[in-house]
Amino acid sequence: MPKLRTVALVAGAALLARRALRRRIQASPLWPMPALEEPVSGRPRSRALALLVTAHEEIADGVVRLRLEGHDLPRWEPGAHLDLVLPSGLVRQYSLCGDPEDTSSYTVAARLVADGRGGSREVHEQVREGMELTVRGPRNRFPLVEAASYVFVAGGIGITPVLPMLRALTDRGAEWRLLYGGRTRASMPFLEEVVKLGGDRVTVVAEDEAGLPDLDAWLGELPEGAAVYCCGPEGLMAAVEERVPGVHLERFAARTTAGGDVAFEVELRRSGRVLTVPADTTVLDAVREELPDTAYSCAQGFCGTCQQRVLEGEVDHRDELLTDAERGDSMLICVSLARSDRLVLDM
């Protein structure tokens, strides 16, 4: 009897395993994928958090500040940002500008961009106190590095990632100075706090009063070992980068546009599919025709959600995010293209 009982148990376990395997295959016909070394494609998604909007206030002309409350929120460092999922489903990135030690809330600010892609208008006109929003993050691609001293250039809403840095450096007694520009003083968020925090270390240039800032004078004689940070309109960042090649930049808009002059092929190795990416089309668009659940967010080459591993081929990198080391074997498929006739991705 014990032997018969053992046989029955083994047979039952085998039957359950077969049923589980059948359900797994039905749910994903491509499983199991072709054997490769462990795939590393795609950045792991940050855990989504549902936060309550407890403040929605205008703090400067065309700028609103949001306070998002929750419990035991992940800590962050100056320079970090959130992915904010708007009511329409749009995902936009906003720098955290509150207190990194506050684990009960996050604070972000958004400027209204009249000719933008709709995200800022939605923040201004549709997001309201009492609404629940989903966020992902925080993530930091603009970290505050160790340096002998610091030089900051901020334009308008570009002050948001810089402000927590200034607070942290002031607490540490570090040397820093800031050039803060904007169209008018009334349009410059956090201006009063910045001036109070820095005193004579802060130079404010309002365009309607003094024109554009003199970057040659400001950046002409940098202290030895100084780290230079810049965030603001693309024109300002390009001008600073031209004068200081090693400047730390924070971009939430693409510097270059995606789309090439010729078509090329993309093989999705694990899926066993070969796609044609037409001219003036992104790899992401072509991939999502076959794999509609492929993760992406900004579609502009700066958030990293769509990063994929490249197994073969030469990439025309057009992103604003990846390091040289990362570009050796990966790409952001929302903007980057192929220099070769064919790319092979670990997808």
C-alpha atoms as a PDB file:
ATOM      1  CA  MET A   1       0.000   0.000   0.000  1.00  0.00           C
ATOM      2  CA  PRO A   2       2.697   2.552   0.823  1.00  0.00           C
ATOM      3  CA  LYS A   3       4.270   1.823  -2.578  1.00  0.00           C
ATOM      4  CA  LEU A   4       0.959   2.361  -4.387  1.00  0.00           C
ATOM      5  CA  ARG A   5       0.432   5.585  -2.451  1.00  0.00           C
ATOM      6  CA  THR A   6       3.879   6.856  -3.553  1.00  0.00           C
ATOM      7  CA  VAL A   7       3.165   5.997  -7.196  1.00  0.00           C
ATOM      8  CA  ALA A   8      -0.151   7.835  -7.016  1.00  0.00           C
ATOM      9  CA  LEU A   9       1.479  10.905  -5.518  1.00  0.00           C
ATOM     10  CA  VAL A  10       4.192  11.019  -8.185  1.00  0.00           C
ATOM     11  CA  ALA A  11       1.640  10.567 -10.958  1.00  0.00           C
ATOM     12  CA  GLY A  12      -0.510  13.353  -9.522  1.00  0.00           C
ATOM     13  CA  ALA A  13       2.452  15.713  -9.289  1.00  0.00           C
ATOM     14  CA  ALA A  14       3.425  14.954 -12.900  1.00  0.00           C
ATOM     15  CA  LEU A  15      -0.131  15.662 -14.064  1.00  0.00           C
ATOM     16  CA  LEU A  16      -0.171  19.022 -12.272  1.00  0.00           C
ATOM     17  CA  ALA A  17       3.210  19.926 -13.758  1.00  0.00           C
ATOM     18  CA  ARG A  18       2.005  19.089 -17.284  1.00  0.00           C
ATOM     19  CA  ARG A  19      -1.091  21.243 -16.810  1.00  0.00           C
ATOM     20  CA  ALA A  20       0.987  24.156 -15.515  1.00  0.00           C
ATOM     21  CA  LEU A  21       3.352  23.843 -18.468  1.00  0.00           C
ATOM     22  CA  ARG A  22       0.423  23.783 -20.919  1.00  0.00           C
ATOM     23  CA  ARG A  23      -1.045  26.949 -19.375  1.00  0.00           C
ATOM     24  CA  ARG A  24       2.368  28.648 -19.533  1.00  0.00           C
ATOM     25  CA  ILE A  25       2.792  27.843 -23.227  1.00  0.00           C
ATOM     26  CA  GLN A  26      -0.759  28.974 -24.036  1.00  0.00           C
ATOM     27  CA  ALA A  27      -0.098  32.280 -22.283  1.00  0.00           C
ATOM     28  CA  SER A  28       3.170  32.864 -24.197  1.00  0.00           C
ATOM     29  CA  PRO A  29       3.557  30.839 -27.430  1.00  0.00           C
ATOM     30  CA  LEU A  30       7.164  31.988 -27.774  1.00  0.00           C
ATOM     31  CA  TRP A  31       8.135  30.390 -24.464  1.00  0.00           C
ATOM     32  CA  PRO A  32      10.657  28.930 -23.940  1.00  0.00           C
ATOM     33  CA  MET A  33      12.851  31.406 -25.824  1.00  0.00           C
ATOM     34  CA  PRO A  34      15.964  30.279 -27.721  1.00  0.00           C
ATOM     35  CA  ALA A  35      18.785  29.589 -25.314  1.00  0.00           C
ATOM     36  CA  LEU A  36      21.024  32.621 -24.787  1.00  0.00           C
ATOM     37  CA  GLU A  37      23.010  33.899 -21.889  1.00  0.00           C
ATOM     38  CA  GLU A  38      20.721  35.571 -19.381  1.00  0.00           C
ATOM     39  CA  PRO A  39      18.988  38.508 -21.120  1.00  0.00           C
ATOM     40  CA  VAL A  40      19.552  41.957 -19.674  1.00  0.00           C
ATOM     41  CA  SER A  41      17.425  43.937 -22.103  1.00  0.00           C
ATOM     42  CA  GLY A  42      15.362  46.801 -20.813  1.00  0.00           C
ATOM     43  CA  ARG A  43      15.717  48.727 -17.607  1.00  0.00           C
ATOM     44  CA  PRO A  44      13.745  47.262 -14.714  1.00  0.00           C
ATOM     45  CA  ARG A  45      10.679  49.377 -14.193  1.00  0.00           C
ATOM     46  CA  SER A  46      10.576  51.344 -10.988  1.00  0.00           C
ATOM     47  CA  ARG A  47       7.786  50.311  -8.671  1.00  0.00           C
ATOM     48  CA  ALA A  48       4.641  52.288  -9.454  1.00  0.00           C
ATOM     49  CA  LEU A  49       3.284  54.364  -6.585  1.00  0.00           C
ATOM     50  CA  ALA A  50      -0.204  55.814  -6.272  1.00  0.00           C
ATOM     51  CA  LEU A  51       0.135  59.234  -4.610  1.00  0.00           C
ATOM     52  CA  LEU A  52      -2.428  61.832  -3.599  1.00  0.00           C
ATOM     53  CA  VAL A  53      -2.164  65.367  -4.978  1.00  0.00           C
ATOM     54  CA  THR A  54      -2.438  67.532  -1.867  1.00  0.00           C
ATOM     55  CA  ALA A  55      -1.272  70.819  -3.389  1.00  0.00           C
ATOM     56  CA  HIS A  56      -1.538  72.328  -6.878  1.00  0.00           C
ATOM     57  CA  GLU A  57      -0.445  75.944  -6.770  1.00  0.00           C
ATOM     58  CA  GLU A  58       0.970  78.534  -9.149  1.00  0.00           C
ATOM     59  CA  ILE A  59       4.353  79.668  -7.825  1.00  0.00           C
ATOM     60  CA  ALA A  60       5.468  81.788 -10.806  1.00  0.00           C
ATOM     61  CA  ASP A  61       4.003  82.943 -14.096  1.00  0.00           C
ATOM     62  CA  GLY A  62       3.199  79.748 -15.999  1.00  0.00           C
ATOM     63  CA  VAL A  63       4.629  77.444 -13.318  1.00  0.00           C
ATOM     64  CA  VAL A  64       2.680  75.180 -10.950  1.00  0.00           C
ATOM     65  CA  ARG A  65       4.010  73.162  -8.031  1.00  0.00           C
ATOM     66  CA  LEU A  66       2.563  69.767  -7.116  1.00  0.00           C
ATOM     67  CA  ARG A  67       2.803  68.094  -3.743  1.00  0.00           C
ATOM     68  CA  LEU A  68       2.253  64.332  -3.945  1.00  0.00           C
ATOM     69  CA  GLU A  69       1.728  62.521  -0.661  1.00  0.00           C
ATOM     70  CA  GLY A  70       2.152  58.861   0.273  1.00  0.00           C
ATOM     71  CA  HIS A  71       3.723  56.680   2.967  1.00  0.00           C
ATOM     72  CA  ASP A  72       7.298  55.418   3.344  1.00  0.00           C
ATOM     73  CA  LEU A  73       8.279  56.781  -0.053  1.00  0.00           C
ATOM     74  CA  PRO A  74      11.656  55.820  -1.561  1.00  0.00           C
ATOM     75  CA  ARG A  75      14.426  58.237  -0.656  1.00  0.00           C
ATOM     76  CA  TRP A  76      16.174  60.262  -3.347  1.00  0.00           C
ATOM     77  CA  GLU A  77      19.266  62.356  -3.907  1.00  0.00           C
ATOM     78  CA  PRO A  78      19.467  65.879  -5.391  1.00  0.00           C
ATOM     79  CA  GLY A  79      19.114  65.744  -9.167  1.00  0.00           C
ATOM     80  CA  ALA A  80      16.561  62.905  -9.152  1.00  0.00           C
ATOM     81  CA  HIS A  81      13.298  62.961 -11.070  1.00  0.00           C
ATOM     82  CA  LEU A  82       9.951  61.175 -11.190  1.00  0.00           C
ATOM     83  CA  ASP A  83       8.006  59.639 -14.040  1.00  0.00           C
ATOM     84  CA  LEU A  84       4.550  61.142 -13.629  1.00  0.00           C
ATOM     85  CA  VAL A  85       1.664  59.241 -15.241  1.00  0.00           C
ATOM     86  CA  LEU A  86      -0.935  61.843 -16.189  1.00  0.00           C
ATOM     87  CA  PRO A  87      -4.709  61.192 -16.312  1.00  0.00           C
ATOM     88  CA  SER A  88      -4.602  60.713 -20.103  1.00  0.00           C
ATOM     89  CA  GLY A  89      -1.868  58.080 -19.787  1.00  0.00           C
ATOM     90  CA  LEU A  90       0.926  60.386 -20.948  1.00  0.00           C
ATOM     91  CA  VAL A  91       4.151  59.912 -19.004  1.00  0.00           C
ATOM     92  CA  ARG A  92       6.340  62.925 -18.308  1.00  0.00           C
ATOM     93  CA  GLN A  93       9.485  63.427 -16.250  1.00  0.00           C
ATOM     94  CA  TYR A  94       9.754  66.128 -13.573  1.00  0.00           C
ATOM     95  CA  SER A  95      12.673  66.942 -11.293  1.00  0.00           C
ATOM     96  CA  LEU A  96      12.147  66.565  -7.571  1.00  0.00           C
ATOM     97  CA  CYS A  97      12.583  69.906  -5.841  1.00  0.00           C
ATOM     98  CA  GLY A  98      11.452  69.207  -2.287  1.00  0.00           C
ATOM     99  CA  ASP A  99      13.235  67.750   0.725  1.00  0.00           C
ATOM    100  CA  PRO A 100      15.041  64.433   0.071  1.00  0.00           C
ATOM    101  CA  GLU A 101      14.577  63.481   3.727  1.00  0.00           C
ATOM    102  CA  ASP A 102      10.793  63.742   3.503  1.00  0.00           C
ATOM    103  CA  THR A 103       9.473  60.206   2.970  1.00  0.00           C
ATOM    104  CA  SER A 104       5.828  61.296   3.135  1.00  0.00           C
ATOM    105  CA  SER A 105       5.701  63.445  -0.002  1.00  0.00           C
ATOM    106  CA  TYR A 106       7.337  64.411  -3.284  1.00  0.00           C
ATOM    107  CA  THR A 107       7.356  67.921  -4.755  1.00  0.00           C
ATOM    108  CA  VAL A 108       7.692  68.730  -8.459  1.00  0.00           C
ATOM    109  CA  ALA A 109       7.088  71.834 -10.576  1.00  0.00           C
ATOM    110  CA  ALA A 110       5.989  72.159 -14.201  1.00  0.00           C
ATOM    111  CA  ARG A 111       6.064  75.072 -16.627  1.00  0.00           C
ATOM    112  CA  LEU A 112       3.262  75.421 -19.163  1.00  0.00           C
ATOM    113  CA  VAL A 113       4.646  74.862 -22.673  1.00  0.00           C
ATOM    114  CA  ALA A 114       2.054  76.223 -25.086  1.00  0.00           C
ATOM    115  CA  ASP A 115       3.522  74.499 -28.146  1.00  0.00           C
ATOM    116  CA  GLY A 116       4.602  71.319 -26.358  1.00  0.00           C
ATOM    117  CA  ARG A 117       3.239  67.786 -26.621  1.00  0.00           C
ATOM    118  CA  GLY A 118       0.373  68.300 -24.171  1.00  0.00           C
ATOM    119  CA  GLY A 119       1.846  67.008 -20.916  1.00  0.00           C
ATOM    120  CA  SER A 120       2.448  70.387 -19.281  1.00  0.00           C
ATOM    121  CA  ARG A 121      -1.012  71.647 -20.242  1.00  0.00           C
ATOM    122  CA  GLU A 122      -2.526  68.549 -18.668  1.00  0.00           C
ATOM    123  CA  VAL A 123      -0.598  69.157 -15.452  1.00  0.00           C
ATOM    124  CA  HIS A 124      -1.807  72.753 -15.358  1.00  0.00           C
ATOM    125  CA  GLU A 125      -5.418  72.283 -16.407  1.00  0.00           C
ATOM    126  CA  GLN A 126      -6.493  68.768 -15.459  1.00  0.00           C
ATOM    127  CA  VAL A 127      -4.494  67.749 -12.394  1.00  0.00           C
ATOM    128  CA  ARG A 128      -6.209  68.925  -9.225  1.00  0.00           C
ATOM    129  CA  GLU A 129      -5.946  68.558  -5.454  1.00  0.00           C
ATOM    130  CA  GLY A 130      -7.541  65.360  -4.244  1.00  0.00           C
ATOM    131  CA  MET A 131      -6.651  63.474  -7.420  1.00  0.00           C
ATOM    132  CA  GLU A 132      -4.590  60.303  -7.265  1.00  0.00           C
ATOM    133  CA  LEU A 133      -1.656  60.051  -9.674  1.00  0.00           C
ATOM    134  CA  THR A 134       0.709  57.192 -10.436  1.00  0.00           C
ATOM    135  CA  VAL A 135       4.434  57.877 -10.321  1.00  0.00           C
ATOM    136  CA  ARG A 136       7.517  55.770 -10.973  1.00  0.00           C
ATOM    137  CA  GLY A 137      10.936  56.430  -9.537  1.00  0.00           C
ATOM    138  CA  PRO A 138      12.741  58.328  -8.238  1.00  0.00           C
ATOM    139  CA  ARG A 139      15.630  57.933 -10.705  1.00  0.00           C
ATOM    140  CA  ASN A 140      18.747  60.045 -10.939  1.00  0.00           C
ATOM    141  CA  ARG A 141      20.719  60.773 -14.107  1.00  0.00           C
ATOM    142  CA  PHE A 142      21.875  64.173 -12.847  1.00  0.00           C
ATOM    143  CA  PRO A 143      23.697  63.318  -9.613  1.00  0.00           C
ATOM    144  CA  LEU A 144      25.684  65.776  -7.534  1.00  0.00           C
ATOM    145  CA  VAL A 145      29.307  64.653  -7.798  1.00  0.00           C
ATOM    146  CA  GLU A 146      32.098  65.358  -5.348  1.00  0.00           C
ATOM    147  CA  ALA A 147      34.092  68.418  -6.375  1.00  0.00           C
ATOM    148  CA  ALA A 148      36.242  71.193  -4.949  1.00  0.00           C
ATOM    149  CA  SER A 149      33.537  73.740  -5.805  1.00  0.00           C
ATOM    150  CA  TYR A 150      30.427  74.091  -7.952  1.00  0.00           C
ATOM    151  CA  VAL A 151      29.209  76.433 -10.667  1.00  0.00           C
ATOM    152  CA  PHE A 152      25.540  76.323 -11.679  1.00  0.00           C
ATOM    153  CA  VAL A 153      23.685  77.799 -14.643  1.00  0.00           C
ATOM    154  CA  ALA A 154      19.883  77.506 -14.539  1.00  0.00           C
ATOM    155  CA  GLY A 155      17.266  78.869 -16.874  1.00  0.00           C
ATOM    156  CA  GLY A 156      13.651  79.189 -15.764  1.00  0.00           C
ATOM    157  CA  ILE A 157      12.161  75.828 -14.763  1.00  0.00           C
ATOM    158  CA  GLY A 158      15.701  74.427 -14.958  1.00  0.00           C
ATOM    159  CA  ILE A 159      16.147  75.604 -11.369  1.00  0.00           C
ATOM    160  CA  THR A 160      14.106  72.635 -10.090  1.00  0.00           C
ATOM    161  CA  PRO A 161      16.851  69.940 -10.060  1.00  0.00           C
ATOM    162  CA  VAL A 162      19.418  72.531  -8.982  1.00  0.00           C
ATOM    163  CA  LEU A 163      17.565  73.793  -5.918  1.00  0.00           C
ATOM    164  CA  PRO A 164      17.995  70.615  -3.796  1.00  0.00           C
ATOM    165  CA  MET A 165      21.685  70.635  -4.765  1.00  0.00           C
ATOM    166  CA  LEU A 166      22.093  74.190  -3.486  1.00  0.00           C
ATOM    167  CA  ARG A 167      20.400  73.308  -0.207  1.00  0.00           C
ATOM    168  CA  ALA A 168      22.634  70.244   0.255  1.00  0.00           C
ATOM    169  CA  LEU A 169      25.832  72.121  -0.595  1.00  0.00           C
ATOM    170  CA  THR A 170      24.915  74.971   1.719  1.00  0.00           C
ATOM    171  CA  ASP A 171      24.348  72.523   4.580  1.00  0.00           C
ATOM    172  CA  ARG A 172      27.775  71.009   3.870  1.00  0.00           C
ATOM    173  CA  GLY A 173      29.474  74.397   3.738  1.00  0.00           C
ATOM    174  CA  ALA A 174      30.648  73.773   0.163  1.00  0.00           C
ATOM    175  CA  GLU A 175      31.605  76.535  -2.254  1.00  0.00           C
ATOM    176  CA  TRP A 176      29.102  77.237  -5.006  1.00  0.00           C
ATOM    177  CA  ARG A 177      27.765  80.008  -7.201  1.00  0.00           C
ATOM    178  CA  LEU A 178      24.692  80.203  -9.424  1.00  0.00           C
ATOM    179  CA  LEU A 179      23.700  82.115 -12.543  1.00  0.00           C
ATOM    180  CA  TYR A 180      19.898  82.070 -12.688  1.00  0.00           C
ATOM    181  CA  GLY A 181      18.196  83.480 -15.776  1.00  0.00           C
ATOM    182  CA  GLY A 182      14.635  83.849 -16.986  1.00  0.00           C
ATOM    183  CA  ARG A 183      12.366  85.906 -19.181  1.00  0.00           C
ATOM    184  CA  THR A 184      11.112  87.975 -16.231  1.00  0.00           C
ATOM    185  CA  ARG A 185      11.557  87.772 -12.484  1.00  0.00           C
ATOM    186  CA  ALA A 186       7.897  86.878 -12.153  1.00  0.00           C
ATOM    187  CA  SER A 187       8.417  83.822 -14.374  1.00  0.00           C
ATOM    188  CA  MET A 188      11.344  82.442 -12.356  1.00  0.00           C
ATOM    189  CA  PRO A 189      10.192  79.793  -9.834  1.00  0.00           C
ATOM    190  CA  PHE A 190      11.757  79.645  -6.370  1.00  0.00           C
ATOM    191  CA  LEU A 191      13.558  82.950  -7.022  1.00  0.00           C
ATOM    192  CA  GLU A 192      13.038  84.318  -3.519  1.00  0.00           C
ATOM    193  CA  GLU A 193      14.271  81.121  -1.866  1.00  0.00           C
ATOM    194  CA  VAL A 194      17.304  80.882  -4.138  1.00  0.00           C
ATOM    195  CA  VAL A 195      18.365  84.476  -3.449  1.00  0.00           C
ATOM    196  CA  LYS A 196      17.826  84.046   0.290  1.00  0.00           C
ATOM    197  CA  LEU A 197      19.801  80.802   0.266  1.00  0.00           C
ATOM    198  CA  GLY A 198      22.785  82.044  -1.701  1.00  0.00           C
ATOM    199  CA  GLY A 199      23.018  85.781  -1.153  1.00  0.00           C
ATOM    200  CA  ASP A 200      25.825  87.241  -3.233  1.00  0.00           C
ATOM    201  CA  ARG A 201      26.645  83.782  -4.600  1.00  0.00           C
ATOM    202  CA  VAL A 202      23.546  84.100  -6.810  1.00  0.00           C
ATOM    203  CA  THR A 203      23.473  86.243  -9.961  1.00  0.00           C
ATOM    204  CA  VAL A 204      19.952  86.816 -11.313  1.00  0.00           C
ATOM    205  CA  VAL A 205      19.526  87.893 -14.936  1.00  0.00           C
ATOM    206  CA  ALA A 206      15.986  88.718 -16.089  1.00  0.00           C
ATOM    207  CA  GLU A 207      15.885  89.039 -19.867  1.00  0.00           C
ATOM    208  CA  ASP A 208      13.388  91.911 -19.851  1.00  0.00           C
ATOM    209  CA  GLU A 209      15.753  93.889 -17.618  1.00  0.00           C
ATOM    210  CA  ALA A 210      19.272  93.012 -18.755  1.00  0.00           C
ATOM    211  CA  GLY A 211      19.021  90.838 -21.857  1.00  0.00           C
ATOM    212  CA  LEU A 212      20.699  87.441 -22.086  1.00  0.00           C
ATOM    213  CA  PRO A 213      23.348  86.468 -19.506  1.00  0.00           C
ATOM    214  CA  ASP A 214      27.015  86.868 -20.402  1.00  0.00           C
ATOM    215  CA  LEU A 215      28.118  83.237 -20.365  1.00  0.00           C
ATOM    216  CA  ASP A 216      31.658  84.066 -21.492  1.00  0.00           C
ATOM    217  CA  ALA A 217      32.172  86.197 -18.414  1.00  0.00           C
ATOM    218  CA  TRP A 218      30.446  83.727 -16.093  1.00  0.00           C
ATOM    219  CA  LEU A 219      32.293  80.659 -17.354  1.00  0.00           C
ATOM    220  CA  GLY A 220      35.523  82.306 -18.481  1.00  0.00           C
ATOM    221  CA  GLU A 221      37.639  81.616 -15.411  1.00  0.00           C
ATOM    222  CA  LEU A 222      36.343  78.578 -13.591  1.00  0.00           C
ATOM    223  CA  PRO A 223      37.911  77.598 -10.265  1.00  0.00           C
ATOM    224  CA  GLU A 224      40.242  74.623 -10.513  1.00  0.00           C
ATOM    225  CA  GLY A 225      38.384  71.376  -9.871  1.00  0.00           C
ATOM    226  CA  ALA A 226      34.946  73.003 -10.154  1.00  0.00           C
ATOM    227  CA  ALA A 227      31.969  70.929 -11.315  1.00  0.00           C
ATOM    228  CA  VAL A 228      29.694  72.802 -13.706  1.00  0.00           C
ATOM    229  CA  TYR A 229      25.960  72.028 -13.839  1.00  0.00           C
ATOM    230  CA  CYS A 230      23.357  73.376 -16.229  1.00  0.00           C
ATOM    231  CA  CYS A 231      19.628  72.877 -16.731  1.00  0.00           C
ATOM    232  CA  GLY A 232      17.247  74.979 -18.766  1.00  0.00           C
ATOM    233  CA  PRO A 233      16.216  75.661 -22.355  1.00  0.00           C
ATOM    234  CA  GLU A 234      18.087  73.736 -25.043  1.00  0.00           C
ATOM    235  CA  GLY A 235      19.727  76.897 -26.382  1.00  0.00           C
ATOM    236  CA  LEU A 236      21.177  77.715 -22.975  1.00  0.00           C
ATOM    237  CA  MET A 237      22.487  74.192 -22.419  1.00  0.00           C
ATOM    238  CA  ALA A 238      24.050  74.066 -25.876  1.00  0.00           C
ATOM    239  CA  ALA A 239      25.792  77.391 -25.254  1.00  0.00           C
ATOM    240  CA  VAL A 240      27.141  76.231 -21.886  1.00  0.00           C
ATOM    241  CA  GLU A 241      28.258  72.887 -23.318  1.00  0.00           C
ATOM    242  CA  GLU A 242      30.130  74.700 -26.082  1.00  0.00           C
ATOM    243  CA  ARG A 243      32.094  76.628 -23.459  1.00  0.00           C
ATOM    244  CA  VAL A 244      32.465  73.792 -20.915  1.00  0.00           C
ATOM    245  CA  PRO A 245      32.586  70.379 -22.694  1.00  0.00           C
ATOM    246  CA  GLY A 246      32.452  68.442 -19.412  1.00  0.00           C
ATOM    247  CA  VAL A 247      29.368  70.204 -18.067  1.00  0.00           C
ATOM    248  CA  HIS A 248      26.719  68.121 -16.288  1.00  0.00           C
ATOM    249  CA  LEU A 249      23.409  68.569 -18.126  1.00  0.00           C
ATOM    250  CA  GLU A 250      19.816  67.619 -17.369  1.00  0.00           C
ATOM    251  CA  ARG A 251      17.638  67.297 -20.455  1.00  0.00           C
ATOM    252  CA  PHE A 252      13.929  66.488 -20.621  1.00  0.00           C
ATOM    253  CA  ALA A 253      13.709  67.116 -24.357  1.00  0.00           C
ATOM    254  CA  ALA A 254      15.495  65.463 -27.241  1.00  0.00           C
ATOM    255  CA  ARG A 255      18.414  67.331 -28.777  1.00  0.00           C
ATOM    256  CA  THR A 256      18.114  65.459 -32.076  1.00  0.00           C
ATOM    257  CA  THR A 257      15.156  63.986 -33.909  1.00  0.00           C
ATOM    258  CA  ALA A 258      14.713  60.322 -34.663  1.00  0.00           C
ATOM    259  CA  GLY A 259      14.328  58.947 -38.164  1.00  0.00           C
ATOM    260  CA  GLY A 260      16.933  58.174 -40.774  1.00  0.00           C
ATOM    261  CA  ASP A 261      17.361  58.365 -44.523  1.00  0.00           C
ATOM    262  CA  VAL A 262      17.299  54.638 -45.338  1.00  0.00           C
ATOM    263  CA  ALA A 263      15.496  51.537 -44.128  1.00  0.00           C
ATOM    264  CA  PHE A 264      17.263  48.749 -42.237  1.00  0.00           C
ATOM    265  CA  GLU A 265      16.469  45.384 -40.676  1.00  0.00           C
ATOM    266  CA  VAL A 266      16.145  44.532 -37.003  1.00  0.00           C
ATOM    267  CA  GLU A 267      16.189  40.933 -35.810  1.00  0.00           C
ATOM    268  CA  LEU A 268      14.552  40.221 -32.476  1.00  0.00           C
ATOM    269  CA  ARG A 269      16.663  37.224 -31.542  1.00  0.00           C
ATOM    270  CA  ARG A 270      14.663  35.757 -28.668  1.00  0.00           C
ATOM    271  CA  SER A 271      11.338  36.301 -30.431  1.00  0.00           C
ATOM    272  CA  GLY A 272      12.588  34.858 -33.716  1.00  0.00           C
ATOM    273  CA  ARG A 273      11.305  37.797 -35.757  1.00  0.00           C
ATOM    274  CA  VAL A 274      12.892  40.054 -38.380  1.00  0.00           C
ATOM    275  CA  LEU A 275      11.499  43.554 -38.896  1.00  0.00           C
ATOM    276  CA  THR A 276      12.067  46.281 -41.434  1.00  0.00           C
ATOM    277  CA  VAL A 277      12.452  49.769 -39.992  1.00  0.00           C
ATOM    278  CA  PRO A 278      11.424  52.191 -42.744  1.00  0.00           C
ATOM    279  CA  ALA A 279      13.189  55.501 -43.258  1.00  0.00           C
ATOM    280  CA  ASP A 280      11.908  58.248 -40.917  1.00  0.00           C
ATOM    281  CA  THR A 281      10.529  55.620 -38.509  1.00  0.00           C
ATOM    282  CA  THR A 282      11.895  54.637 -35.108  1.00  0.00           C
ATOM    283  CA  VAL A 283      12.959  51.180 -34.056  1.00  0.00           C
ATOM    284  CA  LEU A 284      10.495  51.470 -31.177  1.00  0.00           C
ATOM    285  CA  ASP A 285       7.567  52.011 -33.548  1.00  0.00           C
ATOM    286  CA  ALA A 286       8.574  49.010 -35.658  1.00  0.00           C
ATOM    287  CA  VAL A 287       9.106  46.778 -32.624  1.00  0.00           C
ATOM    288  CA  ARG A 288       5.778  47.708 -31.050  1.00  0.00           C
ATOM    289  CA  GLU A 289       4.001  46.599 -34.217  1.00  0.00           C
ATOM    290  CA  GLU A 290       5.176  43.078 -33.346  1.00  0.00           C
ATOM    291  CA  LEU A 291       5.558  43.347 -29.563  1.00  0.00           C
ATOM    292  CA  PRO A 292       2.971  45.909 -28.427  1.00  0.00           C
ATOM    293  CA  ASP A 293       3.844  45.487 -24.745  1.00  0.00           C
ATOM    294  CA  THR A 294       7.407  46.774 -25.241  1.00  0.00           C
ATOM    295  CA  ALA A 295       8.008  49.311 -22.479  1.00  0.00           C
ATOM    296  CA  TYR A 296       8.746  52.948 -23.274  1.00  0.00           C
ATOM    297  CA  SER A 297       8.052  56.329 -21.732  1.00  0.00           C
ATOM    298  CA  CYS A 298       9.463  59.610 -23.049  1.00  0.00           C
ATOM    299  CA  ALA A 299      10.074  58.486 -26.670  1.00  0.00           C
ATOM    300  CA  GLN A 300      12.757  61.170 -26.843  1.00  0.00           C
ATOM    301  CA  GLY A 301      15.906  59.397 -25.719  1.00  0.00           C
ATOM    302  CA  PHE A 302      16.402  60.607 -22.189  1.00  0.00           C
ATOM    303  CA  CYS A 303      14.450  58.416 -19.734  1.00  0.00           C
ATOM    304  CA  GLY A 304      16.000  54.996 -20.484  1.00  0.00           C
ATOM    305  CA  THR A 305      12.827  52.910 -20.242  1.00  0.00           C
ATOM    306  CA  CYS A 306      13.236  51.454 -23.745  1.00  0.00           C
ATOM    307  CA  GLN A 307      16.928  50.507 -23.422  1.00  0.00           C
ATOM    308  CA  GLN A 308      17.623  47.203 -25.183  1.00  0.00           C
ATOM    309  CA  ARG A 309      20.700  45.024 -25.512  1.00  0.00           C
ATOM    310  CA  VAL A 310      22.379  44.958 -28.944  1.00  0.00           C
ATOM    311  CA  LEU A 311      23.816  41.578 -29.946  1.00  0.00           C
ATOM    312  CA  GLU A 312      25.034  42.487 -33.436  1.00  0.00           C
ATOM    313  CA  GLY A 313      25.293  45.557 -35.668  1.00  0.00           C
ATOM    314  CA  GLU A 314      26.489  49.142 -35.419  1.00  0.00           C
ATOM    315  CA  VAL A 315      24.245  51.689 -33.707  1.00  0.00           C
ATOM    316  CA  ASP A 316      23.732  55.355 -34.552  1.00  0.00           C
ATOM    317  CA  HIS A 317      23.237  56.603 -30.995  1.00  0.00           C
ATOM    318  CA  ARG A 318      20.979  59.639 -30.746  1.00  0.00           C
ATOM    319  CA  ASP A 319      20.017  59.577 -27.091  1.00  0.00           C
ATOM    320  CA  GLU A 320      20.907  61.942 -24.275  1.00  0.00           C
ATOM    321  CA  LEU A 321      21.322  59.301 -21.607  1.00  0.00           C
ATOM    322  CA  LEU A 322      23.639  56.328 -22.116  1.00  0.00           C
ATOM    323  CA  THR A 323      27.270  56.351 -21.091  1.00  0.00           C
ATOM    324  CA  ASP A 324      30.007  55.326 -23.507  1.00  0.00           C
ATOM    325  CA  ALA A 325      30.212  51.964 -21.749  1.00  0.00           C
ATOM    326  CA  GLU A 326      26.452  51.390 -22.048  1.00  0.00           C
ATOM    327  CA  ARG A 327      26.530  52.323 -25.726  1.00  0.00           C
ATOM    328  CA  GLY A 328      28.968  49.485 -26.319  1.00  0.00           C
ATOM    329  CA  ASP A 329      26.216  46.882 -26.111  1.00  0.00           C
ATOM    330  CA  SER A 330      22.853  48.633 -25.821  1.00  0.00           C
ATOM    331  CA  MET A 331      20.672  51.339 -27.351  1.00  0.00           C
ATOM    332  CA  LEU A 332      17.548  53.370 -26.705  1.00  0.00           C
ATOM    333  CA  ILE A 333      15.248  52.159 -29.441  1.00  0.00           C
ATOM    334  CA  CYS A 334      12.990  55.231 -29.312  1.00  0.00           C
ATOM    335  CA  VAL A 335      15.555  57.475 -31.035  1.00  0.00           C
ATOM    336  CA  SER A 336      18.712  55.578 -31.969  1.00  0.00           C
ATOM    337  CA  LEU A 337      19.045  53.968 -35.402  1.00  0.00           C
ATOM    338  CA  ALA A 338      21.448  51.699 -37.299  1.00  0.00           C
ATOM    339  CA  ARG A 339      24.722  52.546 -39.009  1.00  0.00           C
ATOM    340  CA  SER A 340      24.769  49.036 -40.452  1.00  0.00           C
ATOM    341  CA  ASP A 341      22.174  47.315 -42.642  1.00  0.00           C
ATOM    342  CA  ARG A 342      21.013  45.125 -39.762  1.00  0.00           C
ATOM    343  CA  LEU A 343      20.755  45.183 -35.997  1.00  0.00           C
ATOM    344  CA  VAL A 344      20.171  42.173 -33.753  1.00  0.00           C
ATOM    345  CA  LEU A 345      18.466  42.899 -30.450  1.00  0.00           C
ATOM    346  CA  ASP A 346      18.080  40.675 -27.396  1.00  0.00           C
ATOM    347  CA  MET A 347      14.275  40.773 -27.492  1.00  0.00           C
END
